Amino acid sequence: MSGFPTAENESVAKDDFNALITNVKSNAFINLLANGNFKRTTHGDLQCDYWQESGVVNARSSTQKKFGDYSLKMSPSNIAHHAYQDIINFADFKGLSVALGCWVYAPDTNVVLRISDGVGSTDSSANTSTNTWEFLYIARTIDASATRVRAELRPTDTAGDFYFDGAVLVPGTEPPRTAMPISLGELIRRTWVDSVDPSWHAESGDVYWNYAEKQAYRYDGSRWQIA
């Protein structure tokens, strides 16, 4: 395969996609997450695209940032509130190790990262400094019976505003911290439809490969059509 396909102008061929997945399983410079720099939002409340909310709004913010122009901000009112993202192709990583890393800026020392797979979970150590950027990371071997691979950003406190930036989930046991790797997660999200909401975050011209049907579709702004 010559390179990464672009969602806007090229369908993802089955053989190419499978070859890509095979290659990235051992590549620690491929980010399995989408929007790890928290720049992309299509929501009126500035919720970061692809990042789900559990009890608290996660919002794009320019108040604090480690990379680029934005970070993800959370102001939890309950210690269980957090933000998370599930990778779509989780089954490709059953039995393999993945590592989650993220920079955090927090008013206290209770922030942790968590990888969960529907069978169990692993938490990072909490941050040790306050009101400055600190890199946290954790690795987990995904269970052979996993039902998901989920990256969780968890303040575990209600002390104020918590910021997260440079989120990465990579194959292996230690994520890179000095630069954002290529986002396979963004590629998959822009080329693979979510079966629950086929128009989720789609933009006119986006193409996805329906893995079950082995068929490419293109979004025309209102509906998906065979590409």
C-alpha atoms as a PDB file:
ATOM      1  CA  MET A   1       0.000   0.000   0.000  1.00  0.00           C
ATOM      2  CA  SER A   2       1.350   3.387  -0.979  1.00  0.00           C
ATOM      3  CA  GLY A   3       0.203   5.397   2.033  1.00  0.00           C
ATOM      4  CA  PHE A   4      -2.681   6.349   4.280  1.00  0.00           C
ATOM      5  CA  PRO A   5      -5.935   6.758   2.343  1.00  0.00           C
ATOM      6  CA  THR A   6      -7.711  10.088   2.715  1.00  0.00           C
ATOM      7  CA  ALA A   7     -11.346   9.988   3.778  1.00  0.00           C
ATOM      8  CA  GLU A   8     -12.369  12.917   1.592  1.00  0.00           C
ATOM      9  CA  ASN A   9     -11.307  11.494  -1.748  1.00  0.00           C
ATOM     10  CA  GLU A  10     -10.504   7.791  -1.540  1.00  0.00           C
ATOM     11  CA  SER A  11     -12.295   4.666  -0.371  1.00  0.00           C
ATOM     12  CA  VAL A  12     -10.449   2.223   1.841  1.00  0.00           C
ATOM     13  CA  ALA A  13      -9.863  -1.027  -0.028  1.00  0.00           C
ATOM     14  CA  LYS A  14     -10.362  -4.172   2.040  1.00  0.00           C
ATOM     15  CA  ASP A  15      -6.880  -5.535   1.355  1.00  0.00           C
ATOM     16  CA  ASP A  16      -5.234  -2.193   2.089  1.00  0.00           C
ATOM     17  CA  PHE A  17      -7.182  -1.751   5.293  1.00  0.00           C
ATOM     18  CA  ASN A  18      -6.300  -5.222   6.543  1.00  0.00           C
ATOM     19  CA  ALA A  19      -2.647  -4.649   5.650  1.00  0.00           C
ATOM     20  CA  LEU A  20      -2.712  -1.361   7.533  1.00  0.00           C
ATOM     21  CA  ILE A  21      -4.181  -2.982  10.658  1.00  0.00           C
ATOM     22  CA  THR A  22      -1.568  -5.744  10.518  1.00  0.00           C
ATOM     23  CA  ASN A  23       1.228  -3.175  10.327  1.00  0.00           C
ATOM     24  CA  VAL A  24      -0.012  -0.893  13.106  1.00  0.00           C
ATOM     25  CA  LYS A  25      -0.407  -3.661  15.686  1.00  0.00           C
ATOM     26  CA  SER A  26       3.291  -3.277  16.448  1.00  0.00           C
ATOM     27  CA  ASN A  27       3.702   0.412  15.604  1.00  0.00           C
ATOM     28  CA  ALA A  28       3.903   2.652  18.662  1.00  0.00           C
ATOM     29  CA  PHE A  29       3.651   5.796  16.540  1.00  0.00           C
ATOM     30  CA  ILE A  30       0.098   5.182  15.367  1.00  0.00           C
ATOM     31  CA  ASN A  31      -2.590   6.783  17.543  1.00  0.00           C
ATOM     32  CA  LEU A  32      -5.664   4.557  17.819  1.00  0.00           C
ATOM     33  CA  LEU A  33      -7.680   7.521  19.106  1.00  0.00           C
ATOM     34  CA  ALA A  34      -9.390  10.193  17.054  1.00  0.00           C
ATOM     35  CA  ASN A  35      -9.134  13.894  17.944  1.00  0.00           C
ATOM     36  CA  GLY A  36      -6.431  13.367  20.533  1.00  0.00           C
ATOM     37  CA  ASN A  37      -5.469  17.025  20.198  1.00  0.00           C
ATOM     38  CA  PHE A  38      -9.091  18.003  20.983  1.00  0.00           C
ATOM     39  CA  LYS A  39      -9.204  20.480  18.134  1.00  0.00           C
ATOM     40  CA  ARG A  40     -12.244  19.084  16.336  1.00  0.00           C
ATOM     41  CA  THR A  41     -15.759  19.945  17.568  1.00  0.00           C
ATOM     42  CA  THR A  42     -19.092  20.092  15.762  1.00  0.00           C
ATOM     43  CA  HIS A  43     -21.160  20.708  18.901  1.00  0.00           C
ATOM     44  CA  GLY A  44     -22.738  23.914  20.111  1.00  0.00           C
ATOM     45  CA  ASP A  45     -21.446  23.292  23.643  1.00  0.00           C
ATOM     46  CA  LEU A  46     -17.942  22.642  22.202  1.00  0.00           C
ATOM     47  CA  GLN A  47     -17.907  18.986  23.266  1.00  0.00           C
ATOM     48  CA  CYS A  48     -14.848  17.427  21.652  1.00  0.00           C
ATOM     49  CA  ASP A  49     -15.796  15.184  18.734  1.00  0.00           C
ATOM     50  CA  TYR A  50     -15.446  11.427  19.322  1.00  0.00           C
ATOM     51  CA  TRP A  51     -15.027  11.918  23.084  1.00  0.00           C
ATOM     52  CA  GLN A  52     -18.072  10.790  25.044  1.00  0.00           C
ATOM     53  CA  GLU A  53     -19.254  12.285  28.311  1.00  0.00           C
ATOM     54  CA  SER A  54     -20.023  10.401  31.503  1.00  0.00           C
ATOM     55  CA  GLY A  55     -21.869  12.826  33.758  1.00  0.00           C
ATOM     56  CA  VAL A  56     -19.893  15.926  32.847  1.00  0.00           C
ATOM     57  CA  VAL A  57     -19.520  18.095  29.755  1.00  0.00           C
ATOM     58  CA  ASN A  58     -16.104  17.847  28.164  1.00  0.00           C
ATOM     59  CA  ALA A  59     -15.416  20.990  26.189  1.00  0.00           C
ATOM     60  CA  ARG A  60     -12.716  22.251  23.872  1.00  0.00           C
ATOM     61  CA  SER A  61     -10.802  24.984  25.642  1.00  0.00           C
ATOM     62  CA  SER A  62      -7.996  27.401  24.801  1.00  0.00           C
ATOM     63  CA  THR A  63      -7.406  28.408  28.440  1.00  0.00           C
ATOM     64  CA  GLN A  64      -4.666  25.815  28.929  1.00  0.00           C
ATOM     65  CA  LYS A  65      -2.971  23.780  26.213  1.00  0.00           C
ATOM     66  CA  LYS A  66       0.140  21.657  25.924  1.00  0.00           C
ATOM     67  CA  PHE A  67       0.101  21.286  22.125  1.00  0.00           C
ATOM     68  CA  GLY A  68      -1.494  23.456  19.463  1.00  0.00           C
ATOM     69  CA  ASP A  69      -4.415  25.722  20.320  1.00  0.00           C
ATOM     70  CA  TYR A  70      -6.777  23.617  22.425  1.00  0.00           C
ATOM     71  CA  SER A  71      -7.210  21.074  25.172  1.00  0.00           C
ATOM     72  CA  LEU A  72     -10.154  19.187  26.660  1.00  0.00           C
ATOM     73  CA  LYS A  73     -11.608  20.778  29.785  1.00  0.00           C
ATOM     74  CA  MET A  74     -13.717  19.072  32.439  1.00  0.00           C
ATOM     75  CA  SER A  75     -15.282  20.601  35.548  1.00  0.00           C
ATOM     76  CA  PRO A  76     -16.756  17.547  37.300  1.00  0.00           C
ATOM     77  CA  SER A  77     -19.394  17.729  40.027  1.00  0.00           C
ATOM     78  CA  ASN A  78     -19.047  14.040  40.906  1.00  0.00           C
ATOM     79  CA  ILE A  79     -15.914  11.941  41.376  1.00  0.00           C
ATOM     80  CA  ALA A  80     -17.178   9.384  38.830  1.00  0.00           C
ATOM     81  CA  HIS A  81     -17.470  11.935  36.003  1.00  0.00           C
ATOM     82  CA  HIS A  82     -15.070  11.406  33.126  1.00  0.00           C
ATOM     83  CA  ALA A  83     -14.555  11.492  29.366  1.00  0.00           C
ATOM     84  CA  TYR A  84     -13.902   8.436  27.253  1.00  0.00           C
ATOM     85  CA  GLN A  85     -13.445   7.124  23.735  1.00  0.00           C
ATOM     86  CA  ASP A  86     -13.925   3.575  22.424  1.00  0.00           C
ATOM     87  CA  ILE A  87     -11.835   2.526  19.449  1.00  0.00           C
ATOM     88  CA  ILE A  88     -13.896   0.977  16.668  1.00  0.00           C
ATOM     89  CA  ASN A  89     -11.524  -1.837  15.683  1.00  0.00           C
ATOM     90  CA  PHE A  90     -11.004  -3.128  19.248  1.00  0.00           C
ATOM     91  CA  ALA A  91     -11.168  -6.796  18.209  1.00  0.00           C
ATOM     92  CA  ASP A  92      -7.881  -6.404  16.316  1.00  0.00           C
ATOM     93  CA  PHE A  93      -6.105  -5.868  19.642  1.00  0.00           C
ATOM     94  CA  LYS A  94      -7.444  -8.762  21.714  1.00  0.00           C
ATOM     95  CA  GLY A  95      -4.537 -10.387  23.497  1.00  0.00           C
ATOM     96  CA  LEU A  96      -2.204  -7.493  22.676  1.00  0.00           C
ATOM     97  CA  SER A  97      -0.851  -4.686  24.832  1.00  0.00           C
ATOM     98  CA  VAL A  98      -1.918  -1.086  24.282  1.00  0.00           C
ATOM     99  CA  ALA A  99      -0.729   2.012  26.109  1.00  0.00           C
ATOM    100  CA  LEU A 100      -2.712   5.147  26.911  1.00  0.00           C
ATOM    101  CA  GLY A 101      -0.973   8.460  27.533  1.00  0.00           C
ATOM    102  CA  CYS A 102      -2.142  12.031  28.064  1.00  0.00           C
ATOM    103  CA  TRP A 103      -0.885  15.315  29.422  1.00  0.00           C
ATOM    104  CA  VAL A 104      -2.940  16.654  32.348  1.00  0.00           C
ATOM    105  CA  TYR A 105      -3.179  20.058  34.011  1.00  0.00           C
ATOM    106  CA  ALA A 106      -5.026  19.773  37.305  1.00  0.00           C
ATOM    107  CA  PRO A 107      -5.767  21.694  40.506  1.00  0.00           C
ATOM    108  CA  ASP A 108      -5.049  18.612  42.642  1.00  0.00           C
ATOM    109  CA  THR A 109      -3.359  15.209  42.459  1.00  0.00           C
ATOM    110  CA  ASN A 110      -6.289  12.893  41.802  1.00  0.00           C
ATOM    111  CA  VAL A 111      -6.252  12.514  37.990  1.00  0.00           C
ATOM    112  CA  VAL A 112      -5.852   9.023  36.522  1.00  0.00           C
ATOM    113  CA  LEU A 113      -6.038   7.458  33.079  1.00  0.00           C
ATOM    114  CA  ARG A 114      -7.833   4.149  32.600  1.00  0.00           C
ATOM    115  CA  ILE A 115      -7.915   1.474  29.904  1.00  0.00           C
ATOM    116  CA  SER A 116     -10.963  -0.786  30.129  1.00  0.00           C
ATOM    117  CA  ASP A 117     -11.948  -3.652  27.858  1.00  0.00           C
ATOM    118  CA  GLY A 118     -15.330  -4.807  29.212  1.00  0.00           C
ATOM    119  CA  VAL A 119     -13.660  -7.579  31.194  1.00  0.00           C
ATOM    120  CA  GLY A 120     -11.348  -5.555  33.394  1.00  0.00           C
ATOM    121  CA  SER A 121      -9.497  -2.262  33.615  1.00  0.00           C
ATOM    122  CA  THR A 122      -6.106  -0.796  34.493  1.00  0.00           C
ATOM    123  CA  ASP A 123      -5.502   2.649  36.003  1.00  0.00           C
ATOM    124  CA  SER A 124      -2.421   4.823  35.817  1.00  0.00           C
ATOM    125  CA  SER A 125      -0.798   6.329  38.843  1.00  0.00           C
ATOM    126  CA  ALA A 126      -2.289   9.693  39.762  1.00  0.00           C
ATOM    127  CA  ASN A 127      -0.562  12.928  38.841  1.00  0.00           C
ATOM    128  CA  THR A 128       1.907  14.222  41.413  1.00  0.00           C
ATOM    129  CA  SER A 129       1.960  17.940  40.548  1.00  0.00           C
ATOM    130  CA  THR A 130      -0.674  20.665  40.351  1.00  0.00           C
ATOM    131  CA  ASN A 131      -1.327  23.573  37.990  1.00  0.00           C
ATOM    132  CA  THR A 132       1.336  22.443  35.578  1.00  0.00           C
ATOM    133  CA  TRP A 133       1.372  19.961  32.717  1.00  0.00           C
ATOM    134  CA  GLU A 134       2.286  16.383  33.643  1.00  0.00           C
ATOM    135  CA  PHE A 135       2.329  13.288  31.426  1.00  0.00           C
ATOM    136  CA  LEU A 136       0.487  10.189  32.659  1.00  0.00           C
ATOM    137  CA  TYR A 137       0.397   6.796  30.986  1.00  0.00           C
ATOM    138  CA  ILE A 138      -0.697   3.216  31.571  1.00  0.00           C
ATOM    139  CA  ALA A 139      -0.548  -0.041  29.601  1.00  0.00           C
ATOM    140  CA  ARG A 140      -2.905  -3.002  29.557  1.00  0.00           C
ATOM    141  CA  THR A 141      -3.000  -6.340  27.756  1.00  0.00           C
ATOM    142  CA  ILE A 142      -6.452  -6.488  26.199  1.00  0.00           C
ATOM    143  CA  ASP A 143      -8.417  -9.527  27.320  1.00  0.00           C
ATOM    144  CA  ALA A 144      -9.095 -12.217  24.722  1.00  0.00           C
ATOM    145  CA  SER A 145     -12.815 -11.865  25.552  1.00  0.00           C
ATOM    146  CA  ALA A 146     -12.816  -8.069  25.383  1.00  0.00           C
ATOM    147  CA  THR A 147     -16.000  -6.311  24.284  1.00  0.00           C
ATOM    148  CA  ARG A 148     -14.318  -2.930  23.803  1.00  0.00           C
ATOM    149  CA  VAL A 149     -11.090  -0.997  24.152  1.00  0.00           C
ATOM    150  CA  ARG A 150     -11.872   2.233  25.978  1.00  0.00           C
ATOM    151  CA  ALA A 151      -9.571   5.138  26.848  1.00  0.00           C
ATOM    152  CA  GLU A 152     -10.790   7.053  29.898  1.00  0.00           C
ATOM    153  CA  LEU A 153      -9.713  10.453  31.250  1.00  0.00           C
ATOM    154  CA  ARG A 154     -10.752  10.570  34.898  1.00  0.00           C
ATOM    155  CA  PRO A 155     -10.350  13.588  37.232  1.00  0.00           C
ATOM    156  CA  THR A 156     -11.760  11.540  40.218  1.00  0.00           C
ATOM    157  CA  ASP A 157     -12.326  14.802  42.090  1.00  0.00           C
ATOM    158  CA  THR A 158     -14.471  17.940  41.997  1.00  0.00           C
ATOM    159  CA  ALA A 159     -11.757  20.460  42.837  1.00  0.00           C
ATOM    160  CA  GLY A 160     -12.268  22.693  39.781  1.00  0.00           C
ATOM    161  CA  ASP A 161     -11.191  22.723  36.144  1.00  0.00           C
ATOM    162  CA  PHE A 162      -9.152  19.831  34.744  1.00  0.00           C
ATOM    163  CA  TYR A 163      -7.408  19.988  31.355  1.00  0.00           C
ATOM    164  CA  PHE A 164      -6.208  17.152  29.116  1.00  0.00           C
ATOM    165  CA  ASP A 165      -4.096  17.355  25.960  1.00  0.00           C
ATOM    166  CA  GLY A 166      -2.167  15.107  23.602  1.00  0.00           C
ATOM    167  CA  ALA A 167      -4.185  11.936  24.242  1.00  0.00           C
ATOM    168  CA  VAL A 168      -2.658   8.858  22.596  1.00  0.00           C
ATOM    169  CA  LEU A 169      -3.514   5.166  22.597  1.00  0.00           C
ATOM    170  CA  VAL A 170      -0.869   3.092  20.866  1.00  0.00           C
ATOM    171  CA  PRO A 171       0.130  -0.563  20.459  1.00  0.00           C
ATOM    172  CA  GLY A 172       2.804  -1.540  22.968  1.00  0.00           C
ATOM    173  CA  THR A 173       3.561  -0.630  26.553  1.00  0.00           C
ATOM    174  CA  GLU A 174       4.682   3.010  26.482  1.00  0.00           C
ATOM    175  CA  PRO A 175       3.227   5.862  24.408  1.00  0.00           C
ATOM    176  CA  PRO A 176       5.254   8.708  22.887  1.00  0.00           C
ATOM    177  CA  ARG A 177       4.983  11.952  24.833  1.00  0.00           C
ATOM    178  CA  THR A 178       6.918  14.519  22.815  1.00  0.00           C
ATOM    179  CA  ALA A 179       4.770  14.591  19.658  1.00  0.00           C
ATOM    180  CA  MET A 180       1.359  13.462  18.466  1.00  0.00           C
ATOM    181  CA  PRO A 181       1.628  10.299  16.347  1.00  0.00           C
ATOM    182  CA  ILE A 182      -0.365   9.696  13.162  1.00  0.00           C
ATOM    183  CA  SER A 183      -4.012   9.204  14.074  1.00  0.00           C
ATOM    184  CA  LEU A 184      -5.300   5.898  12.771  1.00  0.00           C
ATOM    185  CA  GLY A 185      -8.325   6.539  14.984  1.00  0.00           C
ATOM    186  CA  GLU A 186      -9.175   9.637  12.964  1.00  0.00           C
ATOM    187  CA  LEU A 187      -8.778   7.711   9.722  1.00  0.00           C
ATOM    188  CA  ILE A 188     -11.075   4.935  10.885  1.00  0.00           C
ATOM    189  CA  ARG A 189     -13.671   7.327  12.294  1.00  0.00           C
ATOM    190  CA  ARG A 190     -13.776   9.203   9.011  1.00  0.00           C
ATOM    191  CA  THR A 191     -13.866   6.043   6.892  1.00  0.00           C
ATOM    192  CA  TRP A 192     -15.892   3.624   8.985  1.00  0.00           C
ATOM    193  CA  VAL A 193     -19.530   4.363   9.824  1.00  0.00           C
ATOM    194  CA  ASP A 194     -20.961   3.944  13.317  1.00  0.00           C
ATOM    195  CA  SER A 195     -23.787   1.429  13.003  1.00  0.00           C
ATOM    196  CA  VAL A 196     -25.930   3.202  15.595  1.00  0.00           C
ATOM    197  CA  ASP A 197     -25.798   6.629  13.965  1.00  0.00           C
ATOM    198  CA  PRO A 198     -24.581   6.436  10.340  1.00  0.00           C
ATOM    199  CA  SER A 199     -24.380  10.231   9.917  1.00  0.00           C
ATOM    200  CA  TRP A 200     -22.434  10.804  13.153  1.00  0.00           C
ATOM    201  CA  HIS A 201     -19.970  13.626  12.531  1.00  0.00           C
ATOM    202  CA  ALA A 202     -20.002  12.896   8.797  1.00  0.00           C
ATOM    203  CA  GLU A 203     -19.152  15.666   6.366  1.00  0.00           C
ATOM    204  CA  SER A 204     -20.121  15.849   2.711  1.00  0.00           C
ATOM    205  CA  GLY A 205     -17.615  13.864   0.664  1.00  0.00           C
ATOM    206  CA  ASP A 206     -16.540  11.549   3.501  1.00  0.00           C
ATOM    207  CA  VAL A 207     -16.032   7.941   2.500  1.00  0.00           C
ATOM    208  CA  TYR A 208     -16.125   4.904   4.752  1.00  0.00           C
ATOM    209  CA  TRP A 209     -15.491   1.205   4.275  1.00  0.00           C
ATOM    210  CA  ASN A 210     -18.320  -0.945   5.654  1.00  0.00           C
ATOM    211  CA  TYR A 211     -16.278  -3.822   7.005  1.00  0.00           C
ATOM    212  CA  ALA A 212     -19.256  -6.211   7.258  1.00  0.00           C
ATOM    213  CA  GLU A 213     -20.526  -5.572   3.711  1.00  0.00           C
ATOM    214  CA  LYS A 214     -17.070  -5.136   2.153  1.00  0.00           C
ATOM    215  CA  GLN A 215     -18.469  -2.057   0.410  1.00  0.00           C
ATOM    216  CA  ALA A 216     -17.414   1.619   0.249  1.00  0.00           C
ATOM    217  CA  TYR A 217     -19.964   4.395   0.811  1.00  0.00           C
ATOM    218  CA  ARG A 218     -19.778   8.158   0.292  1.00  0.00           C
ATOM    219  CA  TYR A 219     -21.758  10.762   2.268  1.00  0.00           C
ATOM    220  CA  ASP A 220     -23.439  13.418   0.073  1.00  0.00           C
ATOM    221  CA  GLY A 221     -24.434  15.697   2.954  1.00  0.00           C
ATOM    222  CA  SER A 222     -27.720  13.992   3.728  1.00  0.00           C
ATOM    223  CA  ARG A 223     -27.286  10.268   3.099  1.00  0.00           C
ATOM    224  CA  TRP A 224     -24.740   7.529   2.432  1.00  0.00           C
ATOM    225  CA  GLN A 225     -24.519   6.157  -1.103  1.00  0.00           C
ATOM    226  CA  ILE A 226     -22.406   3.395  -2.616  1.00  0.00           C
ATOM    227  CA  ALA A 227     -19.148   5.000  -3.681  1.00  0.00           C
END
